[in-house]
Every structure is written in C-alpha cells, then in structure tokens.
Amino acid sequence: MATDTHTLMIEATTLLIRHRGYHGTSLNDILSASGAPRGSLYFHFPGGKDQLVVEVTRASVANVTERLGAALLEESDPAVAVHHIYQSVARMLEDYEFSLGCPVAPV
C-alpha cells in the first residue's frame, strides 16, 4: 500500500469510483478514504476531481494492459492466447470484486 498522498488519493478514488461511480463519489469521500488533508487535493490535482479521475483511468488502463500483455507474453498458439486473455480478465474482475448484481455461472 502506498504512503504518499498523491498515490493514496489515486488508490482511494479508484476504489470509490469502482463501487459508487463517478457521480456517487464526492471530493469529501476521496479525502476521507485517502486520509489526505483538504489542501492536498488541488496541490496534487489542480484540475480537481476531473483530473484525478483521468489519472485513475490512466492507471487502470496501464494495469489492464500490463496484465493482458503478461497473459500473452510467451504464448504462440492464438487459441491458447485467447484463453489466457479470458482467464486474465476473469481474475481481474474477481480481484476488483466486480458484479452485475447477478451470479456468474462457471464456464
């Protein structure tokens, strides 16, 4: 877990938006969850919540890209590579406790 304020705010925002959505997450929620002082939000993210969400999105895309790349790294068979991608996505969804509100049948 991070200890610097910038990273703490990104991690807190990532979790809050994942569970509450953009509109359901307030700046107060982010500050409370990250433990960051109020003034630090605009110090680290002069564009406020919108800039913070852009940074969260960039970090999330980089994470997904890295994980999918790792799933394909040493696979030469396209069918097996696609299978690895699906397994990697399933693990990511489990890691992020993603749910559509309905049970997912095992494949």
PDB file of N, CA and C in Angstrom:
ATOM      1  N   MET A   1       0.839  -1.182   0.000  1.00  0.00           N
ATOM      2  CA  MET A   1       0.000   0.000   0.000  1.00  0.00           C
ATOM      3  C   MET A   1       0.881   1.241   0.000  1.00  0.00           C
ATOM      4  N   ALA A   2       0.439   2.237  -0.687  1.00  0.00           N
ATOM      5  CA  ALA A   2       1.191   3.472  -0.833  1.00  0.00           C
ATOM      6  C   ALA A   2       1.165   4.294   0.447  1.00  0.00           C
ATOM      7  N   THR A   3       2.138   5.174   0.560  1.00  0.00           N
ATOM      8  CA  THR A   3       2.173   6.070   1.702  1.00  0.00           C
ATOM      9  C   THR A   3       2.180   7.534   1.278  1.00  0.00           C
ATOM     10  N   ASP A   4       2.492   7.823   0.006  1.00  0.00           N
ATOM     11  CA  ASP A   4       2.499   9.216  -0.422  1.00  0.00           C
ATOM     12  C   ASP A   4       1.073   9.659  -0.756  1.00  0.00           C
ATOM     13  N   THR A   5       0.782  10.913  -0.481  1.00  0.00           N
ATOM     14  CA  THR A   5      -0.572  11.452  -0.611  1.00  0.00           C
ATOM     15  C   THR A   5      -1.122  11.306  -2.013  1.00  0.00           C
ATOM     16  N   HIS A   6      -0.318  11.595  -3.014  1.00  0.00           N
ATOM     17  CA  HIS A   6      -0.752  11.509  -4.413  1.00  0.00           C
ATOM     18  C   HIS A   6      -1.280  10.106  -4.724  1.00  0.00           C
ATOM     19  N   THR A   7      -0.481   9.108  -4.402  1.00  0.00           N
ATOM     20  CA  THR A   7      -0.863   7.723  -4.678  1.00  0.00           C
ATOM     21  C   THR A   7      -2.041   7.288  -3.819  1.00  0.00           C
ATOM     22  N   LEU A   8      -2.072   7.702  -2.566  1.00  0.00           N
ATOM     23  CA  LEU A   8      -3.201   7.365  -1.695  1.00  0.00           C
ATOM     24  C   LEU A   8      -4.516   7.887  -2.268  1.00  0.00           C
ATOM     25  N   MET A   9      -4.495   9.108  -2.811  1.00  0.00           N
ATOM     26  CA  MET A   9      -5.719   9.672  -3.397  1.00  0.00           C
ATOM     27  C   MET A   9      -6.126   8.902  -4.654  1.00  0.00           C
ATOM     28  N   ILE A  10      -5.162   8.501  -5.466  1.00  0.00           N
ATOM     29  CA  ILE A  10      -5.480   7.722  -6.664  1.00  0.00           C
ATOM     30  C   ILE A  10      -6.079   6.372  -6.265  1.00  0.00           C
ATOM     31  N   GLU A  11      -5.467   5.692  -5.295  1.00  0.00           N
ATOM     32  CA  GLU A  11      -5.978   4.390  -4.866  1.00  0.00           C
ATOM     33  C   GLU A  11      -7.377   4.508  -4.261  1.00  0.00           C
ATOM     34  N   ALA A  12      -7.586   5.515  -3.425  1.00  0.00           N
ATOM     35  CA  ALA A  12      -8.904   5.706  -2.814  1.00  0.00           C
ATOM     36  C   ALA A  12      -9.955   6.015  -3.873  1.00  0.00           C
ATOM     37  N   THR A  13      -9.610   6.874  -4.821  1.00  0.00           N
ATOM     38  CA  THR A  13     -10.553   7.237  -5.883  1.00  0.00           C
ATOM     39  C   THR A  13     -10.885   6.035  -6.752  1.00  0.00           C
ATOM     40  N   THR A  14      -9.887   5.221  -7.036  1.00  0.00           N
ATOM     41  CA  THR A  14     -10.117   4.010  -7.830  1.00  0.00           C
ATOM     42  C   THR A  14     -11.174   3.130  -7.172  1.00  0.00           C
ATOM     43  N   LEU A  15     -11.007   2.862  -5.886  1.00  0.00           N
ATOM     44  CA  LEU A  15     -11.967   2.009  -5.177  1.00  0.00           C
ATOM     45  C   LEU A  15     -13.339   2.650  -5.075  1.00  0.00           C
ATOM     46  N   LEU A  16     -13.377   3.922  -4.756  1.00  0.00           N
ATOM     47  CA  LEU A  16     -14.668   4.600  -4.606  1.00  0.00           C
ATOM     48  C   LEU A  16     -15.451   4.634  -5.919  1.00  0.00           C
ATOM     49  N   ILE A  17     -14.776   4.963  -6.999  1.00  0.00           N
ATOM     50  CA  ILE A  17     -15.465   5.027  -8.288  1.00  0.00           C
ATOM     51  C   ILE A  17     -15.894   3.643  -8.738  1.00  0.00           C
ATOM     52  N   ARG A  18     -15.081   2.655  -8.454  1.00  0.00           N
ATOM     53  CA  ARG A  18     -15.436   1.284  -8.806  1.00  0.00           C
ATOM     54  C   ARG A  18     -16.733   0.866  -8.108  1.00  0.00           C
ATOM     55  N   HIS A  19     -16.900   1.278  -6.867  1.00  0.00           N
ATOM     56  CA  HIS A  19     -18.060   0.849  -6.093  1.00  0.00           C
ATOM     57  C   HIS A  19     -19.236   1.822  -6.151  1.00  0.00           C
ATOM     58  N   ARG A  20     -18.956   3.117  -6.310  1.00  0.00           N
ATOM     59  CA  ARG A  20     -20.031   4.118  -6.247  1.00  0.00           C
ATOM     60  C   ARG A  20     -20.280   4.845  -7.562  1.00  0.00           C
ATOM     61  N   GLY A  21     -19.328   4.759  -8.480  1.00  0.00           N
ATOM     62  CA  GLY A  21     -19.434   5.511  -9.717  1.00  0.00           C
ATOM     63  C   GLY A  21     -18.916   6.932  -9.557  1.00  0.00           C
ATOM     64  N   TYR A  22     -18.780   7.617 -10.668  1.00  0.00           N
ATOM     65  CA  TYR A  22     -18.245   8.980 -10.673  1.00  0.00           C
ATOM     66  C   TYR A  22     -19.133   9.927  -9.879  1.00  0.00           C
ATOM     67  N   HIS A  23     -20.413   9.936 -10.206  1.00  0.00           N
ATOM     68  CA  HIS A  23     -21.330  10.877  -9.565  1.00  0.00           C
ATOM     69  C   HIS A  23     -21.614  10.519  -8.105  1.00  0.00           C
ATOM     70  N   GLY A  24     -21.414   9.273  -7.740  1.00  0.00           N
ATOM     71  CA  GLY A  24     -21.637   8.854  -6.357  1.00  0.00           C
ATOM     72  C   GLY A  24     -20.438   9.044  -5.457  1.00  0.00           C
ATOM     73  N   THR A  25     -19.353   9.579  -6.014  1.00  0.00           N
ATOM     74  CA  THR A  25     -18.125   9.799  -5.255  1.00  0.00           C
ATOM     75  C   THR A  25     -17.853  11.290  -5.151  1.00  0.00           C
ATOM     76  N   SER A  26     -17.817  11.795  -3.936  1.00  0.00           N
ATOM     77  CA  SER A  26     -17.560  13.226  -3.729  1.00  0.00           C
ATOM     78  C   SER A  26     -16.099  13.457  -3.360  1.00  0.00           C
ATOM     79  N   LEU A  27     -15.682  14.706  -3.448  1.00  0.00           N
ATOM     80  CA  LEU A  27     -14.328  15.054  -3.026  1.00  0.00           C
ATOM     81  C   LEU A  27     -14.133  14.743  -1.547  1.00  0.00           C
ATOM     82  N   ASN A  28     -15.150  14.973  -0.743  1.00  0.00           N
ATOM     83  CA  ASN A  28     -15.054  14.642   0.681  1.00  0.00           C
ATOM     84  C   ASN A  28     -14.849  13.147   0.880  1.00  0.00           C
ATOM     85  N   ASP A  29     -15.532  12.334   0.083  1.00  0.00           N
ATOM     86  CA  ASP A  29     -15.343  10.877   0.152  1.00  0.00           C
ATOM     87  C   ASP A  29     -13.886  10.517  -0.143  1.00  0.00           C
ATOM     88  N   ILE A  30     -13.335  11.123  -1.182  1.00  0.00           N
ATOM     89  CA  ILE A  30     -11.962  10.839  -1.594  1.00  0.00           C
ATOM     90  C   ILE A  30     -10.981  11.253  -0.501  1.00  0.00           C
ATOM     91  N   LEU A  31     -11.170  12.446   0.040  1.00  0.00           N
ATOM     92  CA  LEU A  31     -10.275  12.921   1.095  1.00  0.00           C
ATOM     93  C   LEU A  31     -10.379  12.051   2.337  1.00  0.00           C
ATOM     94  N   SER A  32     -11.584  11.672   2.690  1.00  0.00           N
ATOM     95  CA  SER A  32     -11.782  10.826   3.872  1.00  0.00           C
ATOM     96  C   SER A  32     -11.140   9.453   3.683  1.00  0.00           C
ATOM     97  N   ALA A  33     -11.389   8.828   2.532  1.00  0.00           N
ATOM     98  CA  ALA A  33     -10.865   7.483   2.277  1.00  0.00           C
ATOM     99  C   ALA A  33      -9.348   7.467   2.153  1.00  0.00           C
ATOM    100  N   SER A  34      -8.777   8.534   1.636  1.00  0.00           N
ATOM    101  CA  SER A  34      -7.329   8.579   1.442  1.00  0.00           C
ATOM    102  C   SER A  34      -6.592   9.095   2.677  1.00  0.00           C
ATOM    103  N   GLY A  35      -7.320   9.770   3.564  1.00  0.00           N
ATOM    104  CA  GLY A  35      -6.686  10.370   4.733  1.00  0.00           C
ATOM    105  C   GLY A  35      -5.865  11.602   4.380  1.00  0.00           C
ATOM    106  N   ALA A  36      -6.103  12.153   3.193  1.00  0.00           N
ATOM    107  CA  ALA A  36      -5.335  13.303   2.722  1.00  0.00           C
ATOM    108  C   ALA A  36      -5.923  14.601   3.274  1.00  0.00           C
ATOM    109  N   PRO A  37      -5.058  15.557   3.588  1.00  0.00           N
ATOM    110  CA  PRO A  37      -5.551  16.872   4.002  1.00  0.00           C
ATOM    111  C   PRO A  37      -6.263  17.559   2.835  1.00  0.00           C
ATOM    112  N   ARG A  38      -7.271  18.360   3.142  1.00  0.00           N
ATOM    113  CA  ARG A  38      -8.093  19.017   2.118  1.00  0.00           C
ATOM    114  C   ARG A  38      -7.259  19.765   1.077  1.00  0.00           C
ATOM    115  N   GLY A  39      -6.285  20.527   1.501  1.00  0.00           N
ATOM    116  CA  GLY A  39      -5.490  21.329   0.577  1.00  0.00           C
ATOM    117  C   GLY A  39      -4.648  20.509  -0.384  1.00  0.00           C
ATOM    118  N   SER A  40      -4.399  19.266  -0.053  1.00  0.00           N
ATOM    119  CA  SER A  40      -3.522  18.461  -0.904  1.00  0.00           C
ATOM    120  C   SER A  40      -4.191  18.032  -2.206  1.00  0.00           C
ATOM    121  N   LEU A  41      -5.517  17.994  -2.235  1.00  0.00           N
ATOM    122  CA  LEU A  41      -6.208  17.574  -3.458  1.00  0.00           C
ATOM    123  C   LEU A  41      -5.834  18.495  -4.616  1.00  0.00           C
ATOM    124  N   TYR A  42      -5.996  19.798  -4.426  1.00  0.00           N
ATOM    125  CA  TYR A  42      -5.714  20.733  -5.513  1.00  0.00           C
ATOM    126  C   TYR A  42      -4.215  20.965  -5.698  1.00  0.00           C
ATOM    127  N   PHE A  43      -3.407  20.636  -4.691  1.00  0.00           N
ATOM    128  CA  PHE A  43      -1.957  20.692  -4.859  1.00  0.00           C
ATOM    129  C   PHE A  43      -1.518  19.612  -5.840  1.00  0.00           C
ATOM    130  N   HIS A  44      -2.022  18.387  -5.635  1.00  0.00           N
ATOM    131  CA  HIS A  44      -1.646  17.263  -6.489  1.00  0.00           C
ATOM    132  C   HIS A  44      -2.448  17.206  -7.782  1.00  0.00           C
ATOM    133  N   PHE A  45      -3.691  17.671  -7.736  1.00  0.00           N
ATOM    134  CA  PHE A  45      -4.590  17.615  -8.890  1.00  0.00           C
ATOM    135  C   PHE A  45      -5.271  18.972  -9.061  1.00  0.00           C
ATOM    136  N   PRO A  46      -4.559  19.934  -9.671  1.00  0.00           N
ATOM    137  CA  PRO A  46      -5.127  21.288  -9.817  1.00  0.00           C
ATOM    138  C   PRO A  46      -6.467  21.300 -10.556  1.00  0.00           C
ATOM    139  N   GLY A  47      -6.715  20.288 -11.385  1.00  0.00           N
ATOM    140  CA  GLY A  47      -7.979  20.199 -12.114  1.00  0.00           C
ATOM    141  C   GLY A  47      -9.092  19.562 -11.302  1.00  0.00           C
ATOM    142  N   GLY A  48      -8.819  19.282 -10.026  1.00  0.00           N
ATOM    143  CA  GLY A  48      -9.834  18.735  -9.133  1.00  0.00           C
ATOM    144  C   GLY A  48     -10.204  17.297  -9.443  1.00  0.00           C
ATOM    145  N   LYS A  49     -11.461  16.989  -9.189  1.00  0.00           N
ATOM    146  CA  LYS A  49     -11.963  15.622  -9.335  1.00  0.00           C
ATOM    147  C   LYS A  49     -11.791  15.103 -10.755  1.00  0.00           C
ATOM    148  N   ASP A  50     -12.028  15.952 -11.746  1.00  0.00           N
ATOM    149  CA  ASP A  50     -11.899  15.505 -13.139  1.00  0.00           C
ATOM    150  C   ASP A  50     -10.471  15.072 -13.454  1.00  0.00           C
ATOM    151  N   GLN A  51      -9.493  15.837 -13.027  1.00  0.00           N
ATOM    152  CA  GLN A  51      -8.097  15.461 -13.274  1.00  0.00           C
ATOM    153  C   GLN A  51      -7.743  14.185 -12.519  1.00  0.00           C
ATOM    154  N   LEU A  52      -8.234  14.065 -11.304  1.00  0.00           N
ATOM    155  CA  LEU A  52      -7.973  12.864 -10.513  1.00  0.00           C
ATOM    156  C   LEU A  52      -8.548  11.631 -11.199  1.00  0.00           C
ATOM    157  N   VAL A  53      -9.750  11.750 -11.736  1.00  0.00           N
ATOM    158  CA  VAL A  53     -10.381  10.616 -12.427  1.00  0.00           C
ATOM    159  C   VAL A  53      -9.626  10.272 -13.712  1.00  0.00           C
ATOM    160  N   VAL A  54      -9.101  11.262 -14.401  1.00  0.00           N
ATOM    161  CA  VAL A  54      -8.282  10.992 -15.593  1.00  0.00           C
ATOM    162  C   VAL A  54      -7.044  10.187 -15.187  1.00  0.00           C
ATOM    163  N   GLU A  55      -6.412  10.564 -14.088  1.00  0.00           N
ATOM    164  CA  GLU A  55      -5.239   9.824 -13.609  1.00  0.00           C
ATOM    165  C   GLU A  55      -5.609   8.405 -13.195  1.00  0.00           C
ATOM    166  N   VAL A  56      -6.751   8.236 -12.559  1.00  0.00           N
ATOM    167  CA  VAL A  56      -7.238   6.904 -12.174  1.00  0.00           C
ATOM    168  C   VAL A  56      -7.456   6.057 -13.419  1.00  0.00           C
ATOM    169  N   THR A  57      -8.059   6.650 -14.430  1.00  0.00           N
ATOM    170  CA  THR A  57      -8.324   5.931 -15.679  1.00  0.00           C
ATOM    171  C   THR A  57      -7.015   5.515 -16.341  1.00  0.00           C
ATOM    172  N   ARG A  58      -6.053   6.415 -16.392  1.00  0.00           N
ATOM    173  CA  ARG A  58      -4.744   6.083 -16.983  1.00  0.00           C
ATOM    174  C   ARG A  58      -4.086   4.928 -16.235  1.00  0.00           C
ATOM    175  N   ALA A  59      -4.115   4.983 -14.916  1.00  0.00           N
ATOM    176  CA  ALA A  59      -3.501   3.920 -14.117  1.00  0.00           C
ATOM    177  C   ALA A  59      -4.221   2.593 -14.338  1.00  0.00           C
ATOM    178  N   SER A  60      -5.543   2.640 -14.440  1.00  0.00           N
ATOM    179  CA  SER A  60      -6.324   1.413 -14.655  1.00  0.00           C
ATOM    180  C   SER A  60      -6.043   0.807 -16.020  1.00  0.00           C
ATOM    181  N   VAL A  61      -5.968   1.645 -17.039  1.00  0.00           N
ATOM    182  CA  VAL A  61      -5.673   1.155 -18.394  1.00  0.00           C
ATOM    183  C   VAL A  61      -4.270   0.555 -18.432  1.00  0.00           C
ATOM    184  N   ALA A  62      -3.319   1.199 -17.782  1.00  0.00           N
ATOM    185  CA  ALA A  62      -1.954   0.663 -17.747  1.00  0.00           C
ATOM    186  C   ALA A  62      -1.924  -0.692 -17.042  1.00  0.00           C
ATOM    187  N   ASN A  63      -2.675  -0.824 -15.966  1.00  0.00           N
ATOM    188  CA  ASN A  63      -2.739  -2.089 -15.229  1.00  0.00           C
ATOM    189  C   ASN A  63      -3.333  -3.198 -16.095  1.00  0.00           C
ATOM    190  N   VAL A  64      -4.444  -2.909 -16.767  1.00  0.00           N
ATOM    191  CA  VAL A  64      -5.085  -3.912 -17.627  1.00  0.00           C
ATOM    192  C   VAL A  64      -4.153  -4.289 -18.771  1.00  0.00           C
ATOM    193  N   THR A  65      -3.521  -3.308 -19.381  1.00  0.00           N
ATOM    194  CA  THR A  65      -2.600  -3.566 -20.487  1.00  0.00           C
ATOM    195  C   THR A  65      -1.450  -4.461 -20.040  1.00  0.00           C
ATOM    196  N   GLU A  66      -0.902  -4.171 -18.861  1.00  0.00           N
ATOM    197  CA  GLU A  66       0.195  -4.972 -18.332  1.00  0.00           C
ATOM    198  C   GLU A  66      -0.243  -6.409 -18.058  1.00  0.00           C
ATOM    199  N   ARG A  67      -1.412  -6.565 -17.446  1.00  0.00           N
ATOM    200  CA  ARG A  67      -1.887  -7.913 -17.100  1.00  0.00           C
ATOM    201  C   ARG A  67      -2.225  -8.726 -18.351  1.00  0.00           C
ATOM    202  N   LEU A  68      -2.846  -8.100 -19.339  1.00  0.00           N
ATOM    203  CA  LEU A  68      -3.160  -8.824 -20.566  1.00  0.00           C
ATOM    204  C   LEU A  68      -1.890  -9.145 -21.348  1.00  0.00           C
ATOM    205  N   GLY A  69      -0.947  -8.217 -21.337  1.00  0.00           N
ATOM    206  CA  GLY A  69       0.334  -8.478 -22.004  1.00  0.00           C
ATOM    207  C   GLY A  69       1.050  -9.651 -21.373  1.00  0.00           C
ATOM    208  N   ALA A  70       1.004  -9.724 -20.057  1.00  0.00           N
ATOM    209  CA  ALA A  70       1.640 -10.841 -19.358  1.00  0.00           C
ATOM    210  C   ALA A  70       0.958 -12.158 -19.705  1.00  0.00           C
ATOM    211  N   ALA A  71      -0.358 -12.124 -19.900  1.00  0.00           N
ATOM    212  CA  ALA A  71      -1.098 -13.337 -20.254  1.00  0.00           C
ATOM    213  C   ALA A  71      -0.699 -13.848 -21.637  1.00  0.00           C
ATOM    214  N   LEU A  72      -0.226 -12.961 -22.495  1.00  0.00           N
ATOM    215  CA  LEU A  72       0.137 -13.333 -23.872  1.00  0.00           C
ATOM    216  C   LEU A  72       1.631 -13.507 -24.088  1.00  0.00           C
ATOM    217  N   LEU A  73       2.408 -13.131 -23.115  1.00  0.00           N
ATOM    218  CA  LEU A  73       3.850 -12.984 -23.272  1.00  0.00           C
ATOM    219  C   LEU A  73       4.537 -14.149 -23.977  1.00  0.00           C
ATOM    220  N   GLU A  74       4.306 -15.363 -23.528  1.00  0.00           N
ATOM    221  CA  GLU A  74       5.060 -16.487 -24.082  1.00  0.00           C
ATOM    222  C   GLU A  74       4.186 -17.462 -24.855  1.00  0.00           C
ATOM    223  N   GLU A  75       3.016 -17.028 -25.281  1.00  0.00           N
ATOM    224  CA  GLU A  75       2.097 -17.938 -25.960  1.00  0.00           C
ATOM    225  C   GLU A  75       2.123 -17.708 -27.465  1.00  0.00           C
ATOM    226  N   SER A  76       2.412 -18.754 -28.227  1.00  0.00           N
ATOM    227  CA  SER A  76       2.450 -18.631 -29.686  1.00  0.00           C
ATOM    228  C   SER A  76       1.169 -19.157 -30.340  1.00  0.00           C
ATOM    229  N   ASP A  77       0.427 -20.005 -29.658  1.00  0.00           N
ATOM    230  CA  ASP A  77      -0.820 -20.559 -30.200  1.00  0.00           C
ATOM    231  C   ASP A  77      -1.955 -19.557 -29.957  1.00  0.00           C
ATOM    232  N   PRO A  78      -2.559 -18.988 -31.024  1.00  0.00           N
ATOM    233  CA  PRO A  78      -3.607 -17.974 -30.866  1.00  0.00           C
ATOM    234  C   PRO A  78      -4.794 -18.442 -30.016  1.00  0.00           C
ATOM    235  N   ALA A  79      -5.197 -19.695 -30.163  1.00  0.00           N
ATOM    236  CA  ALA A  79      -6.339 -20.193 -29.381  1.00  0.00           C
ATOM    237  C   ALA A  79      -6.012 -20.209 -27.893  1.00  0.00           C
ATOM    238  N   VAL A  80      -4.825 -20.638 -27.557  1.00  0.00           N
ATOM    239  CA  VAL A  80      -4.403 -20.665 -26.160  1.00  0.00           C
ATOM    240  C   VAL A  80      -4.222 -19.231 -25.651  1.00  0.00           C
ATOM    241  N   ALA A  81      -3.706 -18.350 -26.500  1.00  0.00           N
ATOM    242  CA  ALA A  81      -3.531 -16.948 -26.116  1.00  0.00           C
ATOM    243  C   ALA A  81      -4.875 -16.316 -25.768  1.00  0.00           C
ATOM    244  N   VAL A  82      -5.901 -16.552 -26.576  1.00  0.00           N
ATOM    245  CA  VAL A  82      -7.238 -16.021 -26.293  1.00  0.00           C
ATOM    246  C   VAL A  82      -7.762 -16.592 -24.983  1.00  0.00           C
ATOM    247  N   HIS A  83      -7.535 -17.866 -24.750  1.00  0.00           N
ATOM    248  CA  HIS A  83      -7.945 -18.493 -23.488  1.00  0.00           C
ATOM    249  C   HIS A  83      -7.248 -17.802 -22.307  1.00  0.00           C
ATOM    250  N   HIS A  84      -5.967 -17.499 -22.445  1.00  0.00           N
ATOM    251  CA  HIS A  84      -5.213 -16.815 -21.389  1.00  0.00           C
ATOM    252  C   HIS A  84      -5.784 -15.413 -21.136  1.00  0.00           C
ATOM    253  N   ILE A  85      -6.184 -14.730 -22.216  1.00  0.00           N
ATOM    254  CA  ILE A  85      -6.783 -13.395 -22.060  1.00  0.00           C
ATOM    255  C   ILE A  85      -8.063 -13.499 -21.239  1.00  0.00           C
ATOM    256  N   TYR A  86      -8.934 -14.443 -21.583  1.00  0.00           N
ATOM    257  CA  TYR A  86     -10.182 -14.599 -20.839  1.00  0.00           C
ATOM    258  C   TYR A  86      -9.923 -14.950 -19.381  1.00  0.00           C
ATOM    259  N   GLN A  87      -8.960 -15.811 -19.132  1.00  0.00           N
ATOM    260  CA  GLN A  87      -8.622 -16.146 -17.744  1.00  0.00           C
ATOM    261  C   GLN A  87      -8.107 -14.916 -16.995  1.00  0.00           C
ATOM    262  N   SER A  88      -7.280 -14.123 -17.654  1.00  0.00           N
ATOM    263  CA  SER A  88      -6.737 -12.926 -17.031  1.00  0.00           C
ATOM    264  C   SER A  88      -7.849 -11.920 -16.724  1.00  0.00           C
ATOM    265  N   VAL A  89      -8.771 -11.729 -17.656  1.00  0.00           N
ATOM    266  CA  VAL A  89      -9.891 -10.809 -17.430  1.00  0.00           C
ATOM    267  C   VAL A  89     -10.757 -11.312 -16.280  1.00  0.00           C
ATOM    268  N   ALA A  90     -11.012 -12.612 -16.231  1.00  0.00           N
ATOM    269  CA  ALA A  90     -11.813 -13.177 -15.140  1.00  0.00           C
ATOM    270  C   ALA A  90     -11.134 -12.932 -13.797  1.00  0.00           C
ATOM    271  N   ARG A  91      -9.816 -13.102 -13.727  1.00  0.00           N
ATOM    272  CA  ARG A  91      -9.086 -12.845 -12.480  1.00  0.00           C
ATOM    273  C   ARG A  91      -9.163 -11.377 -12.094  1.00  0.00           C
ATOM    274  N   MET A  92      -9.048 -10.482 -13.089  1.00  0.00           N
ATOM    275  CA  MET A  92      -9.151  -9.051 -12.799  1.00  0.00           C
ATOM    276  C   MET A  92     -10.524  -8.714 -12.226  1.00  0.00           C
ATOM    277  N   LEU A  93     -11.565  -9.265 -12.831  1.00  0.00           N
ATOM    278  CA  LEU A  93     -12.913  -8.993 -12.340  1.00  0.00           C
ATOM    279  C   LEU A  93     -13.090  -9.509 -10.917  1.00  0.00           C
ATOM    280  N   GLU A  94     -12.529 -10.671 -10.623  1.00  0.00           N
ATOM    281  CA  GLU A  94     -12.584 -11.195  -9.260  1.00  0.00           C
ATOM    282  C   GLU A  94     -11.776 -10.315  -8.316  1.00  0.00           C
ATOM    283  N   ASP A  95     -10.588  -9.909  -8.737  1.00  0.00           N
ATOM    284  CA  ASP A  95      -9.737  -9.054  -7.902  1.00  0.00           C
ATOM    285  C   ASP A  95     -10.440  -7.739  -7.572  1.00  0.00           C
ATOM    286  N   TYR A  96     -11.181  -7.222  -8.529  1.00  0.00           N
ATOM    287  CA  TYR A  96     -11.856  -5.942  -8.350  1.00  0.00           C
ATOM    288  C   TYR A  96     -13.260  -6.100  -7.771  1.00  0.00           C
ATOM    289  N   GLU A  97     -13.613  -7.344  -7.421  1.00  0.00           N
ATOM    290  CA  GLU A  97     -14.940  -7.656  -6.856  1.00  0.00           C
ATOM    291  C   GLU A  97     -16.058  -7.099  -7.737  1.00  0.00           C
ATOM    292  N   PHE A  98     -15.884  -7.269  -9.036  1.00  0.00           N
ATOM    293  CA  PHE A  98     -16.863  -6.788  -9.999  1.00  0.00           C
ATOM    294  C   PHE A  98     -18.113  -7.657  -9.948  1.00  0.00           C
ATOM    295  N   SER A  99     -19.246  -7.017 -10.014  1.00  0.00           N
ATOM    296  CA  SER A  99     -20.501  -7.739 -10.000  1.00  0.00           C
ATOM    297  C   SER A  99     -21.560  -6.952 -10.762  1.00  0.00           C
ATOM    298  N   LEU A 100     -22.372  -7.648 -11.495  1.00  0.00           N
ATOM    299  CA  LEU A 100     -23.501  -7.027 -12.183  1.00  0.00           C
ATOM    300  C   LEU A 100     -24.779  -7.245 -11.375  1.00  0.00           C
ATOM    301  N   GLY A 101     -24.619  -7.734 -10.155  1.00  0.00           N
ATOM    302  CA  GLY A 101     -25.776  -7.970  -9.318  1.00  0.00           C
ATOM    303  C   GLY A 101     -26.417  -9.321  -9.576  1.00  0.00           C
ATOM    304  N   CYS A 102     -25.767 -10.162 -10.351  1.00  0.00           N
ATOM    305  CA  CYS A 102     -26.313 -11.478 -10.615  1.00  0.00           C
ATOM    306  C   CYS A 102     -25.183 -12.486 -10.569  1.00  0.00           C
ATOM    307  N   PRO A 103     -25.473 -13.710 -10.187  1.00  0.00           N
ATOM    308  CA  PRO A 103     -24.409 -14.720 -10.116  1.00  0.00           C
ATOM    309  C   PRO A 103     -23.893 -15.063 -11.515  1.00  0.00           C
ATOM    310  N   VAL A 104     -22.621 -15.377 -11.573  1.00  0.00           N
ATOM    311  CA  VAL A 104     -21.990 -15.753 -12.834  1.00  0.00           C
ATOM    312  C   VAL A 104     -21.828 -17.255 -12.843  1.00  0.00           C
ATOM    313  N   ALA A 105     -22.366 -17.877 -13.878  1.00  0.00           N
ATOM    314  CA  ALA A 105     -22.255 -19.324 -13.991  1.00  0.00           C
ATOM    315  C   ALA A 105     -20.853 -19.711 -14.389  1.00  0.00           C
ATOM    316  N   PRO A 106     -20.286 -20.740 -13.791  1.00  0.00           N
ATOM    317  CA  PRO A 106     -18.936 -21.170 -14.185  1.00  0.00           C
ATOM    318  C   PRO A 106     -18.936 -21.720 -15.605  1.00  0.00           C
ATOM    319  N   VAL A 107     -17.832 -21.523 -16.289  1.00  0.00           N
ATOM    320  CA  VAL A 107     -17.702 -21.978 -17.675  1.00  0.00           C
ATOM    321  C   VAL A 107     -17.061 -23.337 -17.706  1.00  0.00           C
TER     322      VAL A 107
END
